[in-house]
Amino acid sequence: MRRIALALLASCVLLLAACGTPLPKDKLAYAGEWRGGRTVLLITPGGLVEYKRERGGNSVEINAPIKHFEGDNIVVGLGPFNTTFVVSKPPQLEGGKWTMTVDGVELTRVAAFDEVRT
């Protein structure tokens, strides 16, 4: 009985993970691999986010689908669990480089999505 419950839970998690909202056309500039300091953010055009930030001796990792955008901010999560990435400066091309500021960290796009190694 316990195996069935675990299999059901795993199936639900996989189904929820597949429920990312593809990036709207006006947000396609968000797609790519972004880096700054000890932060890495990968956003796929299909609506998945992989985030890792190290600060001090702590590390935060989030791998979740995009639920929606609130203005420039990105809301990700599974089911009732959400995390909002606060985008104080949306993606913009500056001096030949794409930059944006997320959760107070300035990030530079190091690869467009078609160049990202997965």
N, C-alpha and C. Protein backbone atom coordinates (compact mmCIF):
# COMPACT_ATOMS: atom_id res chain seq x y z
N MET A 1 0.82 -1.19 0.00
CA MET A 1 0.00 0.00 0.00
C MET A 1 0.87 1.26 0.00
N ARG A 2 1.97 1.21 0.74
CA ARG A 2 2.85 2.37 0.81
C ARG A 2 3.49 2.66 -0.54
N ARG A 3 3.86 1.62 -1.28
CA ARG A 3 4.44 1.80 -2.62
C ARG A 3 3.46 2.48 -3.56
N ILE A 4 2.20 2.12 -3.45
CA ILE A 4 1.18 2.73 -4.30
C ILE A 4 1.06 4.22 -3.98
N ALA A 5 1.07 4.56 -2.71
CA ALA A 5 0.98 5.96 -2.31
C ALA A 5 2.19 6.75 -2.82
N LEU A 6 3.37 6.17 -2.70
CA LEU A 6 4.58 6.84 -3.20
C LEU A 6 4.55 7.00 -4.71
N ALA A 7 4.09 5.99 -5.41
CA ALA A 7 4.00 6.07 -6.87
C ALA A 7 2.99 7.13 -7.28
N LEU A 8 1.87 7.20 -6.57
CA LEU A 8 0.86 8.21 -6.86
C LEU A 8 1.39 9.62 -6.60
N LEU A 9 2.10 9.79 -5.50
CA LEU A 9 2.70 11.08 -5.19
C LEU A 9 3.72 11.49 -6.25
N ALA A 10 4.57 10.56 -6.65
CA ALA A 10 5.57 10.85 -7.68
C ALA A 10 4.90 11.22 -9.00
N SER A 11 3.83 10.53 -9.35
CA SER A 11 3.11 10.85 -10.59
C SER A 11 2.50 12.24 -10.53
N CYS A 12 1.94 12.60 -9.38
CA CYS A 12 1.35 13.94 -9.23
C CYS A 12 2.41 15.02 -9.36
N VAL A 13 3.57 14.80 -8.75
CA VAL A 13 4.65 15.79 -8.83
C VAL A 13 5.11 15.95 -10.27
N LEU A 14 5.25 14.85 -11.00
CA LEU A 14 5.66 14.93 -12.40
C LEU A 14 4.62 15.66 -13.25
N LEU A 15 3.36 15.40 -13.01
CA LEU A 15 2.31 16.10 -13.75
C LEU A 15 2.31 17.58 -13.46
N LEU A 16 2.48 17.95 -12.20
CA LEU A 16 2.52 19.37 -11.84
C LEU A 16 3.74 20.04 -12.45
N ALA A 17 4.87 19.34 -12.47
CA ALA A 17 6.10 19.92 -13.03
C ALA A 17 5.94 20.19 -14.52
N ALA A 18 5.11 19.42 -15.17
CA ALA A 18 4.91 19.60 -16.61
C ALA A 18 3.93 20.74 -16.90
N CYS A 19 3.40 21.36 -15.87
CA CYS A 19 2.36 22.37 -16.03
C CYS A 19 2.92 23.80 -16.05
N GLY A 20 4.13 23.99 -16.46
CA GLY A 20 4.68 25.33 -16.55
C GLY A 20 3.94 26.13 -17.61
N THR A 21 3.84 27.41 -17.38
CA THR A 21 3.22 28.29 -18.35
C THR A 21 4.29 28.79 -19.30
N PRO A 22 4.17 28.50 -20.61
CA PRO A 22 5.17 29.01 -21.55
C PRO A 22 5.27 30.53 -21.44
N LEU A 23 6.47 31.03 -21.69
CA LEU A 23 6.67 32.48 -21.61
C LEU A 23 5.81 33.20 -22.64
N PRO A 24 5.11 34.25 -22.20
CA PRO A 24 4.38 35.07 -23.18
C PRO A 24 5.38 35.75 -24.11
N LYS A 25 4.91 36.13 -25.28
CA LYS A 25 5.80 36.75 -26.26
C LYS A 25 6.53 37.96 -25.70
N ASP A 26 5.85 38.75 -24.85
CA ASP A 26 6.48 39.95 -24.31
C ASP A 26 7.48 39.63 -23.19
N LYS A 27 7.61 38.35 -22.81
CA LYS A 27 8.56 37.95 -21.77
C LYS A 27 9.65 37.01 -22.29
N LEU A 28 9.74 36.80 -23.60
CA LEU A 28 10.73 35.88 -24.15
C LEU A 28 12.16 36.30 -23.87
N ALA A 29 12.40 37.59 -23.61
CA ALA A 29 13.75 38.04 -23.27
C ALA A 29 14.24 37.44 -21.96
N TYR A 30 13.33 36.93 -21.13
CA TYR A 30 13.71 36.30 -19.86
C TYR A 30 14.38 34.94 -20.08
N ALA A 31 14.13 34.31 -21.21
CA ALA A 31 14.64 32.96 -21.47
C ALA A 31 16.16 32.98 -21.62
N GLY A 32 16.81 32.02 -20.97
CA GLY A 32 18.26 31.88 -21.09
C GLY A 32 18.88 31.51 -19.76
N GLU A 33 20.19 31.46 -19.77
CA GLU A 33 20.96 31.20 -18.55
C GLU A 33 21.54 32.51 -18.08
N TRP A 34 21.24 32.88 -16.83
CA TRP A 34 21.63 34.15 -16.24
C TRP A 34 22.55 33.87 -15.06
N ARG A 35 23.60 34.66 -14.92
CA ARG A 35 24.55 34.50 -13.81
C ARG A 35 24.95 35.84 -13.24
N GLY A 36 25.18 35.84 -11.95
CA GLY A 36 25.68 37.03 -11.27
C GLY A 36 26.10 36.65 -9.87
N GLY A 37 27.34 36.99 -9.52
CA GLY A 37 27.86 36.61 -8.21
C GLY A 37 27.77 35.11 -8.06
N ARG A 38 27.09 34.67 -7.02
CA ARG A 38 26.94 33.24 -6.77
C ARG A 38 25.51 32.77 -7.05
N THR A 39 24.90 33.41 -8.06
CA THR A 39 23.53 33.09 -8.43
C THR A 39 23.49 32.62 -9.88
N VAL A 40 22.73 31.55 -10.12
CA VAL A 40 22.50 31.04 -11.47
C VAL A 40 20.99 30.88 -11.64
N LEU A 41 20.47 31.39 -12.74
CA LEU A 41 19.05 31.31 -13.03
C LEU A 41 18.88 30.86 -14.47
N LEU A 42 18.18 29.75 -14.65
CA LEU A 42 17.87 29.25 -15.99
C LEU A 42 16.37 29.33 -16.18
N ILE A 43 15.95 29.99 -17.25
CA ILE A 43 14.53 30.12 -17.57
C ILE A 43 14.34 29.59 -18.98
N THR A 44 13.45 28.59 -19.14
CA THR A 44 13.20 28.03 -20.46
C THR A 44 11.99 28.71 -21.10
N PRO A 45 11.93 28.74 -22.43
CA PRO A 45 10.76 29.31 -23.10
C PRO A 45 9.49 28.54 -22.75
N GLY A 46 9.64 27.26 -22.38
CA GLY A 46 8.50 26.44 -22.02
C GLY A 46 7.96 26.70 -20.63
N GLY A 47 8.66 27.54 -19.85
CA GLY A 47 8.13 27.93 -18.56
C GLY A 47 8.71 27.22 -17.35
N LEU A 48 9.89 26.68 -17.45
CA LEU A 48 10.53 26.06 -16.30
C LEU A 48 11.67 26.93 -15.79
N VAL A 49 11.87 26.93 -14.48
CA VAL A 49 12.90 27.73 -13.84
C VAL A 49 13.79 26.83 -12.99
N GLU A 50 15.09 27.00 -13.14
CA GLU A 50 16.08 26.38 -12.25
C GLU A 50 16.89 27.52 -11.66
N TYR A 51 16.93 27.58 -10.34
CA TYR A 51 17.57 28.70 -9.64
C TYR A 51 18.47 28.15 -8.55
N LYS A 52 19.66 28.72 -8.45
CA LYS A 52 20.57 28.37 -7.36
C LYS A 52 21.27 29.63 -6.91
N ARG A 53 21.24 29.85 -5.59
CA ARG A 53 21.91 31.02 -5.02
C ARG A 53 22.64 30.59 -3.76
N GLU A 54 23.91 30.93 -3.69
CA GLU A 54 24.72 30.65 -2.51
C GLU A 54 25.04 31.97 -1.83
N ARG A 55 24.83 31.99 -0.52
CA ARG A 55 25.11 33.21 0.24
C ARG A 55 25.62 32.76 1.60
N GLY A 56 26.83 33.21 1.93
CA GLY A 56 27.43 32.75 3.17
C GLY A 56 27.62 31.25 3.08
N GLY A 57 27.20 30.54 4.08
CA GLY A 57 27.30 29.08 4.04
C GLY A 57 26.00 28.43 3.61
N ASN A 58 25.03 29.22 3.16
CA ASN A 58 23.72 28.68 2.79
C ASN A 58 23.55 28.64 1.28
N SER A 59 22.74 27.69 0.85
CA SER A 59 22.43 27.55 -0.56
C SER A 59 20.92 27.36 -0.71
N VAL A 60 20.36 28.02 -1.72
CA VAL A 60 18.94 27.88 -2.03
C VAL A 60 18.83 27.38 -3.45
N GLU A 61 18.04 26.33 -3.65
CA GLU A 61 17.78 25.81 -4.99
C GLU A 61 16.29 25.69 -5.19
N ILE A 62 15.83 26.15 -6.34
CA ILE A 62 14.41 26.04 -6.69
C ILE A 62 14.34 25.56 -8.14
N ASN A 63 13.61 24.49 -8.35
CA ASN A 63 13.35 23.96 -9.68
C ASN A 63 11.84 23.81 -9.77
N ALA A 64 11.19 24.69 -10.53
CA ALA A 64 9.74 24.68 -10.57
C ALA A 64 9.24 25.34 -11.85
N PRO A 65 8.00 25.04 -12.21
CA PRO A 65 7.42 25.69 -13.38
C PRO A 65 6.95 27.11 -13.05
N ILE A 66 6.91 27.94 -14.06
CA ILE A 66 6.36 29.29 -13.91
C ILE A 66 4.85 29.17 -13.84
N LYS A 67 4.27 29.80 -12.82
CA LYS A 67 2.81 29.84 -12.72
C LYS A 67 2.27 31.03 -13.51
N HIS A 68 2.89 32.20 -13.30
CA HIS A 68 2.48 33.40 -14.00
C HIS A 68 3.46 34.53 -13.69
N PHE A 69 3.28 35.64 -14.38
CA PHE A 69 4.04 36.85 -14.12
C PHE A 69 3.12 37.83 -13.40
N GLU A 70 3.69 38.57 -12.46
CA GLU A 70 3.00 39.69 -11.82
C GLU A 70 3.81 40.92 -12.18
N GLY A 71 3.42 41.59 -13.23
CA GLY A 71 4.25 42.67 -13.76
C GLY A 71 5.52 42.05 -14.32
N ASP A 72 6.67 42.48 -13.80
CA ASP A 72 7.94 41.89 -14.21
C ASP A 72 8.34 40.71 -13.35
N ASN A 73 7.71 40.54 -12.19
CA ASN A 73 8.06 39.47 -11.26
C ASN A 73 7.60 38.11 -11.78
N ILE A 74 8.35 37.07 -11.40
CA ILE A 74 8.06 35.71 -11.86
C ILE A 74 7.57 34.90 -10.66
N VAL A 75 6.38 34.33 -10.78
CA VAL A 75 5.84 33.47 -9.73
C VAL A 75 5.99 32.02 -10.20
N VAL A 76 6.74 31.23 -9.43
CA VAL A 76 6.96 29.83 -9.75
C VAL A 76 6.44 28.97 -8.61
N GLY A 77 6.19 27.70 -8.91
CA GLY A 77 5.78 26.81 -7.83
C GLY A 77 5.02 25.60 -8.31
N LEU A 78 4.75 24.74 -7.35
CA LEU A 78 3.97 23.53 -7.58
C LEU A 78 2.79 23.54 -6.62
N GLY A 79 1.60 23.33 -7.17
CA GLY A 79 0.41 23.29 -6.33
C GLY A 79 0.27 24.56 -5.51
N PRO A 80 0.06 24.41 -4.19
CA PRO A 80 -0.14 25.60 -3.35
C PRO A 80 1.16 26.29 -2.94
N PHE A 81 2.30 25.75 -3.33
CA PHE A 81 3.59 26.30 -2.92
C PHE A 81 4.13 27.22 -4.01
N ASN A 82 4.35 28.49 -3.65
CA ASN A 82 4.82 29.51 -4.59
C ASN A 82 6.07 30.20 -4.09
N THR A 83 6.86 30.65 -5.02
CA THR A 83 7.97 31.55 -4.75
C THR A 83 7.91 32.66 -5.79
N THR A 84 8.08 33.89 -5.36
CA THR A 84 8.09 35.01 -6.29
C THR A 84 9.50 35.55 -6.42
N PHE A 85 10.00 35.59 -7.64
CA PHE A 85 11.28 36.22 -7.93
C PHE A 85 10.98 37.68 -8.25
N VAL A 86 11.51 38.59 -7.44
CA VAL A 86 11.27 40.01 -7.62
C VAL A 86 12.26 40.53 -8.66
N VAL A 87 11.72 40.98 -9.77
CA VAL A 87 12.53 41.50 -10.88
C VAL A 87 12.45 43.02 -10.83
N SER A 88 13.48 43.64 -10.25
CA SER A 88 13.47 45.10 -10.14
C SER A 88 13.96 45.77 -11.42
N LYS A 89 14.68 45.02 -12.25
CA LYS A 89 15.09 45.52 -13.57
C LYS A 89 14.90 44.38 -14.56
N PRO A 90 13.88 44.47 -15.42
CA PRO A 90 13.64 43.40 -16.39
C PRO A 90 14.78 43.31 -17.40
N PRO A 91 14.82 42.21 -18.16
CA PRO A 91 15.90 42.05 -19.14
C PRO A 91 15.99 43.24 -20.09
N GLN A 92 17.23 43.72 -20.25
CA GLN A 92 17.49 44.79 -21.21
C GLN A 92 18.91 44.66 -21.74
N LEU A 93 19.05 45.06 -22.98
CA LEU A 93 20.35 45.00 -23.64
C LEU A 93 21.12 46.26 -23.32
N GLU A 94 22.29 46.08 -22.68
CA GLU A 94 23.15 47.21 -22.29
C GLU A 94 24.57 46.92 -22.73
N GLY A 95 25.12 47.75 -23.57
CA GLY A 95 26.50 47.57 -24.01
C GLY A 95 26.77 46.21 -24.63
N GLY A 96 25.80 45.69 -25.36
CA GLY A 96 25.98 44.41 -26.03
C GLY A 96 25.73 43.20 -25.13
N LYS A 97 25.33 43.42 -23.86
CA LYS A 97 25.04 42.32 -22.94
C LYS A 97 23.63 42.47 -22.39
N TRP A 98 22.94 41.34 -22.24
CA TRP A 98 21.63 41.34 -21.61
C TRP A 98 21.81 41.27 -20.11
N THR A 99 21.13 42.15 -19.38
CA THR A 99 21.19 42.15 -17.92
C THR A 99 19.77 42.26 -17.36
N MET A 100 19.62 41.80 -16.13
CA MET A 100 18.39 42.02 -15.36
C MET A 100 18.75 41.87 -13.88
N THR A 101 17.92 42.42 -13.03
CA THR A 101 18.14 42.32 -11.59
C THR A 101 17.00 41.54 -10.97
N VAL A 102 17.37 40.43 -10.30
CA VAL A 102 16.40 39.54 -9.67
C VAL A 102 16.76 39.38 -8.21
N ASP A 103 15.80 39.63 -7.34
CA ASP A 103 16.01 39.53 -5.89
C ASP A 103 17.25 40.30 -5.45
N GLY A 104 17.46 41.47 -6.06
CA GLY A 104 18.56 42.34 -5.67
C GLY A 104 19.91 41.98 -6.26
N VAL A 105 19.98 40.96 -7.11
CA VAL A 105 21.25 40.53 -7.71
C VAL A 105 21.22 40.87 -9.20
N GLU A 106 22.23 41.61 -9.66
CA GLU A 106 22.31 41.89 -11.09
C GLU A 106 22.85 40.66 -11.80
N LEU A 107 22.09 40.20 -12.79
CA LEU A 107 22.44 39.01 -13.55
C LEU A 107 22.74 39.39 -14.99
N THR A 108 23.64 38.64 -15.60
CA THR A 108 23.96 38.80 -17.01
C THR A 108 23.62 37.50 -17.73
N ARG A 109 22.97 37.62 -18.87
CA ARG A 109 22.64 36.40 -19.63
C ARG A 109 23.92 35.91 -20.29
N VAL A 110 24.31 34.69 -19.93
CA VAL A 110 25.54 34.11 -20.47
C VAL A 110 25.25 33.20 -21.66
N ALA A 111 23.99 32.85 -21.85
CA ALA A 111 23.60 32.03 -23.00
C ALA A 111 22.14 32.26 -23.29
N ALA A 112 21.84 32.49 -24.57
CA ALA A 112 20.45 32.53 -24.99
C ALA A 112 19.94 31.10 -24.93
N PHE A 113 18.63 30.93 -24.96
CA PHE A 113 18.14 29.58 -24.70
C PHE A 113 18.65 28.56 -25.71
N ASP A 114 18.77 28.92 -26.96
CA ASP A 114 19.25 27.95 -27.95
C ASP A 114 20.72 27.60 -27.74
N GLU A 115 21.42 28.35 -26.88
CA GLU A 115 22.83 28.09 -26.58
C GLU A 115 23.02 27.41 -25.23
N VAL A 116 21.96 27.29 -24.44
CA VAL A 116 22.08 26.77 -23.07
C VAL A 116 22.36 25.28 -23.13
N ARG A 117 23.32 24.87 -22.32
CA ARG A 117 23.65 23.45 -22.19
C ARG A 117 22.83 22.88 -21.06
N THR A 118 22.06 21.85 -21.34
CA THR A 118 21.25 21.24 -20.29
C THR A 118 21.78 19.90 -19.86
